[in-house]
PDB file of N, CA and C in Angstrom:
ATOM      1  N   MET A   1       0.845  -1.170   0.000  1.00  0.00           N
ATOM      2  CA  MET A   1       0.000   0.000   0.000  1.00  0.00           C
ATOM      3  C   MET A   1       0.891   1.233   0.000  1.00  0.00           C
ATOM      4  N   MET A   2       0.531   2.211  -0.839  1.00  0.00           N
ATOM      5  CA  MET A   2       1.298   3.452  -0.918  1.00  0.00           C
ATOM      6  C   MET A   2       1.097   4.261   0.357  1.00  0.00           C
ATOM      7  N   MET A   3       2.169   4.851   0.863  1.00  0.00           N
ATOM      8  CA  MET A   3       2.113   5.655   2.075  1.00  0.00           C
ATOM      9  C   MET A   3       2.240   7.153   1.787  1.00  0.00           C
ATOM     10  N   ARG A   4       2.511   7.520   0.544  1.00  0.00           N
ATOM     11  CA  ARG A   4       2.664   8.921   0.157  1.00  0.00           C
ATOM     12  C   ARG A   4       1.981   9.147  -1.183  1.00  0.00           C
ATOM     13  N   ASN A   5       1.660  10.402  -1.464  1.00  0.00           N
ATOM     14  CA  ASN A   5       1.139  10.769  -2.777  1.00  0.00           C
ATOM     15  C   ASN A   5       2.326  10.973  -3.709  1.00  0.00           C
ATOM     16  N   LEU A   6       2.771   9.891  -4.329  1.00  0.00           N
ATOM     17  CA  LEU A   6       3.943   9.954  -5.195  1.00  0.00           C
ATOM     18  C   LEU A   6       3.601  10.606  -6.526  1.00  0.00           C
ATOM     19  N   ASN A   7       2.517  10.155  -7.176  1.00  0.00           N
ATOM     20  CA  ASN A   7       2.050  10.741  -8.430  1.00  0.00           C
ATOM     21  C   ASN A   7       0.567  10.397  -8.593  1.00  0.00           C
ATOM     22  N   PRO A   8      -0.334  11.217  -8.055  1.00  0.00           N
ATOM     23  CA  PRO A   8      -1.768  10.906  -8.114  1.00  0.00           C
ATOM     24  C   PRO A   8      -2.313  10.796  -9.539  1.00  0.00           C
ATOM     25  N   ASP A   9      -1.720  11.503 -10.503  1.00  0.00           N
ATOM     26  CA  ASP A   9      -2.192  11.422 -11.886  1.00  0.00           C
ATOM     27  C   ASP A   9      -1.987  10.033 -12.478  1.00  0.00           C
ATOM     28  N   LEU A  10      -0.968   9.316 -12.020  1.00  0.00           N
ATOM     29  CA  LEU A  10      -0.705   7.961 -12.498  1.00  0.00           C
ATOM     30  C   LEU A  10      -1.293   6.895 -11.579  1.00  0.00           C
ATOM     31  N   GLY A  11      -2.087   7.305 -10.593  1.00  0.00           N
ATOM     32  CA  GLY A  11      -2.709   6.357  -9.680  1.00  0.00           C
ATOM     33  C   GLY A  11      -1.851   5.995  -8.489  1.00  0.00           C
ATOM     34  N   LEU A  12      -0.726   6.677  -8.288  1.00  0.00           N
ATOM     35  CA  LEU A  12       0.158   6.380  -7.163  1.00  0.00           C
ATOM     36  C   LEU A  12      -0.094   7.360  -6.029  1.00  0.00           C
ATOM     37  N   GLY A  13      -1.256   7.236  -5.416  1.00  0.00           N
ATOM     38  CA  GLY A  13      -1.639   8.115  -4.315  1.00  0.00           C
ATOM     39  C   GLY A  13      -1.642   7.370  -2.999  1.00  0.00           C
ATOM     40  N   ASN A  14      -1.818   8.112  -1.938  1.00  0.00           N
ATOM     41  CA  ASN A  14      -1.860   7.554  -0.596  1.00  0.00           C
ATOM     42  C   ASN A  14      -3.023   6.563  -0.489  1.00  0.00           C
ATOM     43  N   GLY A  15      -2.745   5.325  -0.083  1.00  0.00           N
ATOM     44  CA  GLY A  15      -3.778   4.312   0.086  1.00  0.00           C
ATOM     45  C   GLY A  15      -3.970   3.393  -1.106  1.00  0.00           C
ATOM     46  N   THR A  16      -3.258   3.614  -2.206  1.00  0.00           N
ATOM     47  CA  THR A  16      -3.375   2.739  -3.373  1.00  0.00           C
ATOM     48  C   THR A  16      -2.788   1.371  -3.037  1.00  0.00           C
ATOM     49  N   ARG A  17      -3.549   0.317  -3.331  1.00  0.00           N
ATOM     50  CA  ARG A  17      -3.057  -1.035  -3.084  1.00  0.00           C
ATOM     51  C   ARG A  17      -2.315  -1.535  -4.310  1.00  0.00           C
ATOM     52  N   LEU A  18      -1.178  -2.177  -4.058  1.00  0.00           N
ATOM     53  CA  LEU A  18      -0.305  -2.655  -5.124  1.00  0.00           C
ATOM     54  C   LEU A  18       0.025  -4.122  -4.907  1.00  0.00           C
ATOM     55  N   ARG A  19       0.337  -4.806  -6.004  1.00  0.00           N
ATOM     56  CA  ARG A  19       0.872  -6.172  -5.930  1.00  0.00           C
ATOM     57  C   ARG A  19       2.305  -6.097  -6.427  1.00  0.00           C
ATOM     58  N   ILE A  20       3.243  -6.499  -5.593  1.00  0.00           N
ATOM     59  CA  ILE A  20       4.655  -6.426  -5.942  1.00  0.00           C
ATOM     60  C   ILE A  20       4.971  -7.532  -6.943  1.00  0.00           C
ATOM     61  N   VAL A  21       5.545  -7.134  -8.081  1.00  0.00           N
ATOM     62  CA  VAL A  21       5.954  -8.083  -9.108  1.00  0.00           C
ATOM     63  C   VAL A  21       7.427  -8.432  -8.928  1.00  0.00           C
ATOM     64  N   GLU A  22       8.247  -7.401  -8.669  1.00  0.00           N
ATOM     65  CA  GLU A  22       9.684  -7.609  -8.548  1.00  0.00           C
ATOM     66  C   GLU A  22      10.292  -6.523  -7.662  1.00  0.00           C
ATOM     67  N   LEU A  23      11.211  -6.926  -6.797  1.00  0.00           N
ATOM     68  CA  LEU A  23      11.957  -5.980  -5.969  1.00  0.00           C
ATOM     69  C   LEU A  23      13.352  -5.826  -6.549  1.00  0.00           C
ATOM     70  N   LYS A  24      13.741  -4.609  -6.834  1.00  0.00           N
ATOM     71  CA  LYS A  24      15.078  -4.319  -7.340  1.00  0.00           C
ATOM     72  C   LYS A  24      15.775  -3.423  -6.321  1.00  0.00           C
ATOM     73  N   PRO A  25      17.094  -3.227  -6.436  1.00  0.00           N
ATOM     74  CA  PRO A  25      17.805  -2.429  -5.425  1.00  0.00           C
ATOM     75  C   PRO A  25      17.298  -0.999  -5.265  1.00  0.00           C
ATOM     76  N   HIS A  26      16.834  -0.365  -6.346  1.00  0.00           N
ATOM     77  CA  HIS A  26      16.439   1.042  -6.257  1.00  0.00           C
ATOM     78  C   HIS A  26      14.982   1.306  -6.616  1.00  0.00           C
ATOM     79  N   VAL A  27      14.260   0.315  -7.114  1.00  0.00           N
ATOM     80  CA  VAL A  27      12.854   0.493  -7.477  1.00  0.00           C
ATOM     81  C   VAL A  27      12.063  -0.770  -7.149  1.00  0.00           C
ATOM     82  N   ILE A  28      10.741  -0.603  -7.086  1.00  0.00           N
ATOM     83  CA  ILE A  28       9.807  -1.720  -6.960  1.00  0.00           C
ATOM     84  C   ILE A  28       8.970  -1.750  -8.233  1.00  0.00           C
ATOM     85  N   HIS A  29       8.887  -2.908  -8.861  1.00  0.00           N
ATOM     86  CA  HIS A  29       7.997  -3.099 -10.011  1.00  0.00           C
ATOM     87  C   HIS A  29       6.703  -3.682  -9.450  1.00  0.00           C
ATOM     88  N   ALA A  30       5.589  -2.956  -9.632  1.00  0.00           N
ATOM     89  CA  ALA A  30       4.320  -3.363  -9.027  1.00  0.00           C
ATOM     90  C   ALA A  30       3.174  -3.205 -10.013  1.00  0.00           C
ATOM     91  N   THR A  31       2.048  -3.826  -9.687  1.00  0.00           N
ATOM     92  CA  THR A  31       0.812  -3.703 -10.451  1.00  0.00           C
ATOM     93  C   THR A  31      -0.237  -3.075  -9.544  1.00  0.00           C
ATOM     94  N   ILE A  32      -0.945  -2.062 -10.047  1.00  0.00           N
ATOM     95  CA  ILE A  32      -1.990  -1.403  -9.271  1.00  0.00           C
ATOM     96  C   ILE A  32      -3.193  -2.337  -9.182  1.00  0.00           C
ATOM     97  N   MET A  33      -3.720  -2.540  -7.973  1.00  0.00           N
ATOM     98  CA  MET A  33      -4.830  -3.466  -7.765  1.00  0.00           C
ATOM     99  C   MET A  33      -6.178  -2.780  -7.604  1.00  0.00           C
ATOM    100  N   THR A  34      -6.210  -1.467  -7.347  1.00  0.00           N
ATOM    101  CA  THR A  34      -7.469  -0.776  -7.099  1.00  0.00           C
ATOM    102  C   THR A  34      -7.554   0.489  -7.930  1.00  0.00           C
ATOM    103  N   GLY A  35      -8.768   0.982  -8.088  1.00  0.00           N
ATOM    104  CA  GLY A  35      -8.983   2.268  -8.744  1.00  0.00           C
ATOM    105  C   GLY A  35      -9.106   2.178 -10.254  1.00  0.00           C
ATOM    106  N   GLU A  36      -9.080   3.337 -10.899  1.00  0.00           N
ATOM    107  CA  GLU A  36      -9.256   3.423 -12.345  1.00  0.00           C
ATOM    108  C   GLU A  36      -8.100   2.801 -13.113  1.00  0.00           C
ATOM    109  N   ARG A  37      -6.945   2.779 -12.532  1.00  0.00           N
ATOM    110  CA  ARG A  37      -5.746   2.268 -13.215  1.00  0.00           C
ATOM    111  C   ARG A  37      -5.416   0.833 -12.804  1.00  0.00           C
ATOM    112  N   GLN A  38      -6.419   0.080 -12.439  1.00  0.00           N
ATOM    113  CA  GLN A  38      -6.234  -1.308 -12.020  1.00  0.00           C
ATOM    114  C   GLN A  38      -5.583  -2.110 -13.140  1.00  0.00           C
ATOM    115  N   GLY A  39      -4.549  -2.887 -12.804  1.00  0.00           N
ATOM    116  CA  GLY A  39      -3.847  -3.712 -13.774  1.00  0.00           C
ATOM    117  C   GLY A  39      -2.651  -3.036 -14.421  1.00  0.00           C
ATOM    118  N   GLN A  40      -2.480  -1.742 -14.213  1.00  0.00           N
ATOM    119  CA  GLN A  40      -1.361  -1.021 -14.821  1.00  0.00           C
ATOM    120  C   GLN A  40      -0.073  -1.321 -14.052  1.00  0.00           C
ATOM    121  N   HIS A  41       1.031  -1.532 -14.789  1.00  0.00           N
ATOM    122  CA  HIS A  41       2.333  -1.773 -14.180  1.00  0.00           C
ATOM    123  C   HIS A  41       3.012  -0.440 -13.902  1.00  0.00           C
ATOM    124  N   VAL A  42       3.620  -0.313 -12.725  1.00  0.00           N
ATOM    125  CA  VAL A  42       4.295   0.926 -12.328  1.00  0.00           C
ATOM    126  C   VAL A  42       5.646   0.594 -11.701  1.00  0.00           C
ATOM    127  N   LEU A  43       6.553   1.563 -11.755  1.00  0.00           N
ATOM    128  CA  LEU A  43       7.841   1.480 -11.075  1.00  0.00           C
ATOM    129  C   LEU A  43       7.848   2.526  -9.971  1.00  0.00           C
ATOM    130  N   ILE A  44       8.156   2.117  -8.758  1.00  0.00           N
ATOM    131  CA  ILE A  44       8.161   3.020  -7.609  1.00  0.00           C
ATOM    132  C   ILE A  44       9.606   3.182  -7.149  1.00  0.00           C
ATOM    133  N   PRO A  45      10.157   4.403  -7.221  1.00  0.00           N
ATOM    134  CA  PRO A  45      11.569   4.605  -6.851  1.00  0.00           C
ATOM    135  C   PRO A  45      11.756   4.800  -5.354  1.00  0.00           C
ATOM    136  N   ARG A  46      12.995   4.675  -4.927  1.00  0.00           N
ATOM    137  CA  ARG A  46      13.355   5.038  -3.557  1.00  0.00           C
ATOM    138  C   ARG A  46      13.290   6.546  -3.414  1.00  0.00           C
ATOM    139  N   ILE A  47      12.951   7.010  -2.222  1.00  0.00           N
ATOM    140  CA  ILE A  47      12.932   8.440  -1.936  1.00  0.00           C
ATOM    141  C   ILE A  47      14.086   8.723  -0.978  1.00  0.00           C
ATOM    142  N   VAL A  48      14.875   9.756  -1.282  1.00  0.00           N
ATOM    143  CA  VAL A  48      15.995  10.139  -0.431  1.00  0.00           C
ATOM    144  C   VAL A  48      15.552  11.286   0.471  1.00  0.00           C
ATOM    145  N   PHE A  49      15.716  11.113   1.769  1.00  0.00           N
ATOM    146  CA  PHE A  49      15.397  12.147   2.750  1.00  0.00           C
ATOM    147  C   PHE A  49      16.710  12.707   3.291  1.00  0.00           C
ATOM    148  N   ILE A  50      16.851  14.035   3.258  1.00  0.00           N
ATOM    149  CA  ILE A  50      18.046  14.698   3.772  1.00  0.00           C
ATOM    150  C   ILE A  50      17.597  15.732   4.792  1.00  0.00           C
ATOM    151  N   SER A  51      18.210  15.696   5.981  1.00  0.00           N
ATOM    152  CA  SER A  51      17.842  16.663   7.016  1.00  0.00           C
ATOM    153  C   SER A  51      18.333  18.049   6.621  1.00  0.00           C
ATOM    154  N   ASP A  52      17.778  19.062   7.266  1.00  0.00           N
ATOM    155  CA  ASP A  52      18.149  20.435   6.932  1.00  0.00           C
ATOM    156  C   ASP A  52      19.502  20.838   7.502  1.00  0.00           C
ATOM    157  N   GLY A  53      20.135  19.996   8.311  1.00  0.00           N
ATOM    158  CA  GLY A  53      21.451  20.302   8.856  1.00  0.00           C
ATOM    159  C   GLY A  53      21.420  21.352   9.950  1.00  0.00           C
ATOM    160  N   ASP A  54      20.350  21.383  10.729  1.00  0.00           N
ATOM    161  CA  ASP A  54      20.229  22.336  11.829  1.00  0.00           C
ATOM    162  C   ASP A  54      21.334  22.056  12.852  1.00  0.00           C
ATOM    163  N   SER A  55      22.255  22.991  13.029  1.00  0.00           N
ATOM    164  CA  SER A  55      23.420  22.770  13.886  1.00  0.00           C
ATOM    165  C   SER A  55      23.061  22.701  15.369  1.00  0.00           C
ATOM    166  N   ARG A  56      21.856  23.125  15.760  1.00  0.00           N
ATOM    167  CA  ARG A  56      21.459  23.016  17.165  1.00  0.00           C
ATOM    168  C   ARG A  56      21.174  21.571  17.541  1.00  0.00           C
ATOM    169  N   LYS A  57      20.669  20.773  16.595  1.00  0.00           N
ATOM    170  CA  LYS A  57      20.369  19.373  16.874  1.00  0.00           C
ATOM    171  C   LYS A  57      21.555  18.480  16.520  1.00  0.00           C
ATOM    172  N   PHE A  58      22.026  18.592  15.283  1.00  0.00           N
ATOM    173  CA  PHE A  58      23.148  17.785  14.804  1.00  0.00           C
ATOM    174  C   PHE A  58      24.109  18.694  14.041  1.00  0.00           C
ATOM    175  N   PRO A  59      25.393  18.515  14.214  1.00  0.00           N
ATOM    176  CA  PRO A  59      26.348  19.326  13.452  1.00  0.00           C
ATOM    177  C   PRO A  59      26.600  18.772  12.051  1.00  0.00           C
ATOM    178  N   PHE A  60      25.767  17.839  11.603  1.00  0.00           N
ATOM    179  CA  PHE A  60      25.927  17.223  10.288  1.00  0.00           C
ATOM    180  C   PHE A  60      24.547  16.987   9.689  1.00  0.00           C
ATOM    181  N   ARG A  61      24.515  16.630   8.413  1.00  0.00           N
ATOM    182  CA  ARG A  61      23.249  16.352   7.731  1.00  0.00           C
ATOM    183  C   ARG A  61      22.993  14.852   7.723  1.00  0.00           C
ATOM    184  N   LEU A  62      21.765  14.470   8.016  1.00  0.00           N
ATOM    185  CA  LEU A  62      21.364  13.066   7.983  1.00  0.00           C
ATOM    186  C   LEU A  62      20.747  12.757   6.632  1.00  0.00           C
ATOM    187  N   ARG A  63      21.046  11.566   6.105  1.00  0.00           N
ATOM    188  CA  ARG A  63      20.516  11.154   4.805  1.00  0.00           C
ATOM    189  C   ARG A  63      20.066   9.702   4.912  1.00  0.00           C
ATOM    190  N   ARG A  64      18.850   9.423   4.426  1.00  0.00           N
ATOM    191  CA  ARG A  64      18.363   8.043   4.406  1.00  0.00           C
ATOM    192  C   ARG A  64      17.520   7.824   3.167  1.00  0.00           C
ATOM    193  N   LYS A  65      17.406   6.550   2.770  1.00  0.00           N
ATOM    194  CA  LYS A  65      16.607   6.169   1.608  1.00  0.00           C
ATOM    195  C   LYS A  65      15.461   5.295   2.085  1.00  0.00           C
ATOM    196  N   GLN A  66      14.287   5.489   1.473  1.00  0.00           N
ATOM    197  CA  GLN A  66      13.111   4.741   1.902  1.00  0.00           C
ATOM    198  C   GLN A  66      12.201   4.518   0.706  1.00  0.00           C
ATOM    199  N   LEU A  67      11.593   3.340   0.645  1.00  0.00           N
ATOM    200  CA  LEU A  67      10.573   3.066  -0.360  1.00  0.00           C
ATOM    201  C   LEU A  67       9.227   3.485   0.223  1.00  0.00           C
ATOM    202  N   PRO A  68       8.389   4.206  -0.536  1.00  0.00           N
ATOM    203  CA  PRO A  68       7.142   4.759   0.020  1.00  0.00           C
ATOM    204  C   PRO A  68       5.977   3.775   0.053  1.00  0.00           C
ATOM    205  N   VAL A  69       6.242   2.526   0.414  1.00  0.00           N
ATOM    206  CA  VAL A  69       5.185   1.517   0.504  1.00  0.00           C
ATOM    207  C   VAL A  69       5.277   0.823   1.857  1.00  0.00           C
ATOM    208  N   GLN A  70       4.190   0.168   2.237  1.00  0.00           N
ATOM    209  CA  GLN A  70       4.135  -0.574   3.494  1.00  0.00           C
ATOM    210  C   GLN A  70       3.348  -1.852   3.238  1.00  0.00           C
ATOM    211  N   PRO A  71       3.800  -2.998   3.776  1.00  0.00           N
ATOM    212  CA  PRO A  71       3.027  -4.227   3.604  1.00  0.00           C
ATOM    213  C   PRO A  71       1.617  -4.068   4.168  1.00  0.00           C
ATOM    214  N   ALA A  72       0.638  -4.642   3.497  1.00  0.00           N
ATOM    215  CA  ALA A  72      -0.757  -4.483   3.914  1.00  0.00           C
ATOM    216  C   ALA A  72      -1.002  -5.061   5.301  1.00  0.00           C
ATOM    217  N   PHE A  73      -0.279  -6.112   5.690  1.00  0.00           N
ATOM    218  CA  PHE A  73      -0.506  -6.704   6.999  1.00  0.00           C
ATOM    219  C   PHE A  73       0.190  -5.920   8.109  1.00  0.00           C
ATOM    220  N   ALA A  74       0.938  -4.862   7.767  1.00  0.00           N
ATOM    221  CA  ALA A  74       1.627  -4.051   8.773  1.00  0.00           C
ATOM    222  C   ALA A  74       1.084  -2.623   8.833  1.00  0.00           C
ATOM    223  N   MET A  75      -0.121  -2.397   8.297  1.00  0.00           N
ATOM    224  CA  MET A  75      -0.710  -1.061   8.296  1.00  0.00           C
ATOM    225  C   MET A  75      -1.157  -0.658   9.692  1.00  0.00           C
ATOM    226  N   THR A  76      -1.144   0.641   9.944  1.00  0.00           N
ATOM    227  CA  THR A  76      -1.714   1.135  11.188  1.00  0.00           C
ATOM    228  C   THR A  76      -3.233   1.046  11.094  1.00  0.00           C
ATOM    229  N   ILE A  77      -3.904   1.138  12.218  1.00  0.00           N
ATOM    230  CA  ILE A  77      -5.364   1.026  12.234  1.00  0.00           C
ATOM    231  C   ILE A  77      -5.999   2.137  11.409  1.00  0.00           C
ATOM    232  N   ASN A  78      -5.490   3.360  11.507  1.00  0.00           N
ATOM    233  CA  ASN A  78      -6.071   4.466  10.750  1.00  0.00           C
ATOM    234  C   ASN A  78      -5.924   4.264   9.250  1.00  0.00           C
ATOM    235  N   LYS A  79      -4.784   3.742   8.799  1.00  0.00           N
ATOM    236  CA  LYS A  79      -4.578   3.507   7.372  1.00  0.00           C
ATOM    237  C   LYS A  79      -5.411   2.322   6.880  1.00  0.00           C
ATOM    238  N   ALA A  80      -5.708   1.373   7.750  1.00  0.00           N
ATOM    239  CA  ALA A  80      -6.417   0.165   7.354  1.00  0.00           C
ATOM    240  C   ALA A  80      -7.912   0.379   7.183  1.00  0.00           C
ATOM    241  N   GLN A  81      -8.468   1.463   7.701  1.00  0.00           N
ATOM    242  CA  GLN A  81      -9.898   1.689   7.593  1.00  0.00           C
ATOM    243  C   GLN A  81     -10.288   1.857   6.129  1.00  0.00           C
ATOM    244  N   GLY A  82     -11.288   1.121   5.708  1.00  0.00           N
ATOM    245  CA  GLY A  82     -11.760   1.201   4.333  1.00  0.00           C
ATOM    246  C   GLY A  82     -10.931   0.399   3.355  1.00  0.00           C
ATOM    247  N   GLN A  83      -9.981  -0.389   3.827  1.00  0.00           N
ATOM    248  CA  GLN A  83      -9.122  -1.182   2.956  1.00  0.00           C
ATOM    249  C   GLN A  83      -9.454  -2.666   3.094  1.00  0.00           C
ATOM    250  N   THR A  84     -10.714  -3.024   2.979  1.00  0.00           N
ATOM    251  CA  THR A  84     -11.135  -4.410   3.129  1.00  0.00           C
ATOM    252  C   THR A  84     -10.612  -5.245   1.970  1.00  0.00           C
ATOM    253  N   VAL A  85     -10.051  -6.388   2.284  1.00  0.00           N
ATOM    254  CA  VAL A  85      -9.501  -7.295   1.288  1.00  0.00           C
ATOM    255  C   VAL A  85     -10.289  -8.600   1.376  1.00  0.00           C
ATOM    256  N   GLN A  86     -10.765  -9.106   0.239  1.00  0.00           N
ATOM    257  CA  GLN A  86     -11.532 -10.351   0.235  1.00  0.00           C
ATOM    258  C   GLN A  86     -10.658 -11.541   0.613  1.00  0.00           C
ATOM    259  N   ASN A  87      -9.511 -11.682  -0.037  1.00  0.00           N
ATOM    260  CA  ASN A  87      -8.576 -12.772   0.234  1.00  0.00           C
ATOM    261  C   ASN A  87      -7.182 -12.186   0.372  1.00  0.00           C
ATOM    262  N   LEU A  88      -6.406 -12.726   1.299  1.00  0.00           N
ATOM    263  CA  LEU A  88      -5.036 -12.278   1.489  1.00  0.00           C
ATOM    264  C   LEU A  88      -4.164 -13.503   1.629  1.00  0.00           C
ATOM    265  N   GLY A  89      -3.132 -13.597   0.807  1.00  0.00           N
ATOM    266  CA  GLY A  89      -2.197 -14.707   0.879  1.00  0.00           C
ATOM    267  C   GLY A  89      -0.865 -14.232   1.421  1.00  0.00           C
ATOM    268  N   LEU A  90      -0.204 -15.080   2.183  1.00  0.00           N
ATOM    269  CA  LEU A  90       1.083 -14.743   2.764  1.00  0.00           C
ATOM    270  C   LEU A  90       1.990 -15.946   2.610  1.00  0.00           C
ATOM    271  N   TYR A  91       3.101 -15.779   1.903  1.00  0.00           N
ATOM    272  CA  TYR A  91       4.049 -16.863   1.669  1.00  0.00           C
ATOM    273  C   TYR A  91       5.196 -16.734   2.660  1.00  0.00           C
ATOM    274  N   LEU A  92       5.372 -17.719   3.511  1.00  0.00           N
ATOM    275  CA  LEU A  92       6.450 -17.725   4.497  1.00  0.00           C
ATOM    276  C   LEU A  92       7.342 -18.935   4.229  1.00  0.00           C
ATOM    277  N   PRO A  93       8.463 -18.744   3.521  1.00  0.00           N
ATOM    278  CA  PRO A  93       9.312 -19.888   3.187  1.00  0.00           C
ATOM    279  C   PRO A  93      10.016 -20.497   4.398  1.00  0.00           C
ATOM    280  N   THR A  94      10.191 -19.723   5.457  1.00  0.00           N
ATOM    281  CA  THR A  94      10.780 -20.255   6.688  1.00  0.00           C
ATOM    282  C   THR A  94       9.815 -19.995   7.841  1.00  0.00           C
ATOM    283  N   PRO A  95       9.753 -20.881   8.828  1.00  0.00           N
ATOM    284  CA  PRO A  95       8.830 -20.689   9.944  1.00  0.00           C
ATOM    285  C   PRO A  95       9.167 -19.424  10.739  1.00  0.00           C
ATOM    286  N   CYS A  96       8.152 -18.648  11.067  1.00  0.00           N
ATOM    287  CA  CYS A  96       8.385 -17.441  11.865  1.00  0.00           C
ATOM    288  C   CYS A  96       7.463 -17.390  13.080  1.00  0.00           C
ATOM    289  N   PHE A  97       6.602 -18.380  13.253  1.00  0.00           N
ATOM    290  CA  PHE A  97       5.711 -18.445  14.404  1.00  0.00           C
ATOM    291  C   PHE A  97       6.011 -19.711  15.189  1.00  0.00           C
ATOM    292  N   SER A  98       5.824 -19.646  16.497  1.00  0.00           N
ATOM    293  CA  SER A  98       5.960 -20.860  17.295  1.00  0.00           C
ATOM    294  C   SER A  98       4.617 -21.593  17.298  1.00  0.00           C
ATOM    295  N   HIS A  99       4.578 -22.771  17.866  1.00  0.00           N
ATOM    296  CA  HIS A  99       3.387 -23.610  17.848  1.00  0.00           C
ATOM    297  C   HIS A  99       2.189 -22.882  18.464  1.00  0.00           C
ATOM    298  N   GLY A 100       1.063 -22.856  17.749  1.00  0.00           N
ATOM    299  CA  GLY A 100      -0.175 -22.297  18.261  1.00  0.00           C
ATOM    300  C   GLY A 100      -0.362 -20.808  18.031  1.00  0.00           C
ATOM    301  N   GLN A 101       0.600 -20.125  17.415  1.00  0.00           N
ATOM    302  CA  GLN A 101       0.459 -18.686  17.193  1.00  0.00           C
ATOM    303  C   GLN A 101      -0.295 -18.354  15.915  1.00  0.00           C
ATOM    304  N   LEU A 102      -0.273 -19.219  14.943  1.00  0.00           N
ATOM    305  CA  LEU A 102      -0.904 -18.901  13.663  1.00  0.00           C
ATOM    306  C   LEU A 102      -2.217 -19.606  13.519  1.00  0.00           C
TER     307      LEU A 102
END
């Protein structure tokens, strides 16, 4: 699910549900699952965040890279409202739950 309004004209707005086709080092290749552009393939780039370098907090500039998406099963309650999914599949190649948790 998109967490930012990256490009609303292309259907990449806040709350758009996507199906990940391929993960690459700097982009995500995905298919839009909802809205008018359903089925369209899109590339979502990494976003670089750079601090303003305020010397009162840090004497240096902070820089980080982030992809503007979040897994649907890790959404906050506020973001999850109105995002009902009929079926959800989760592939876990290695066990991550102990007995009786799932």
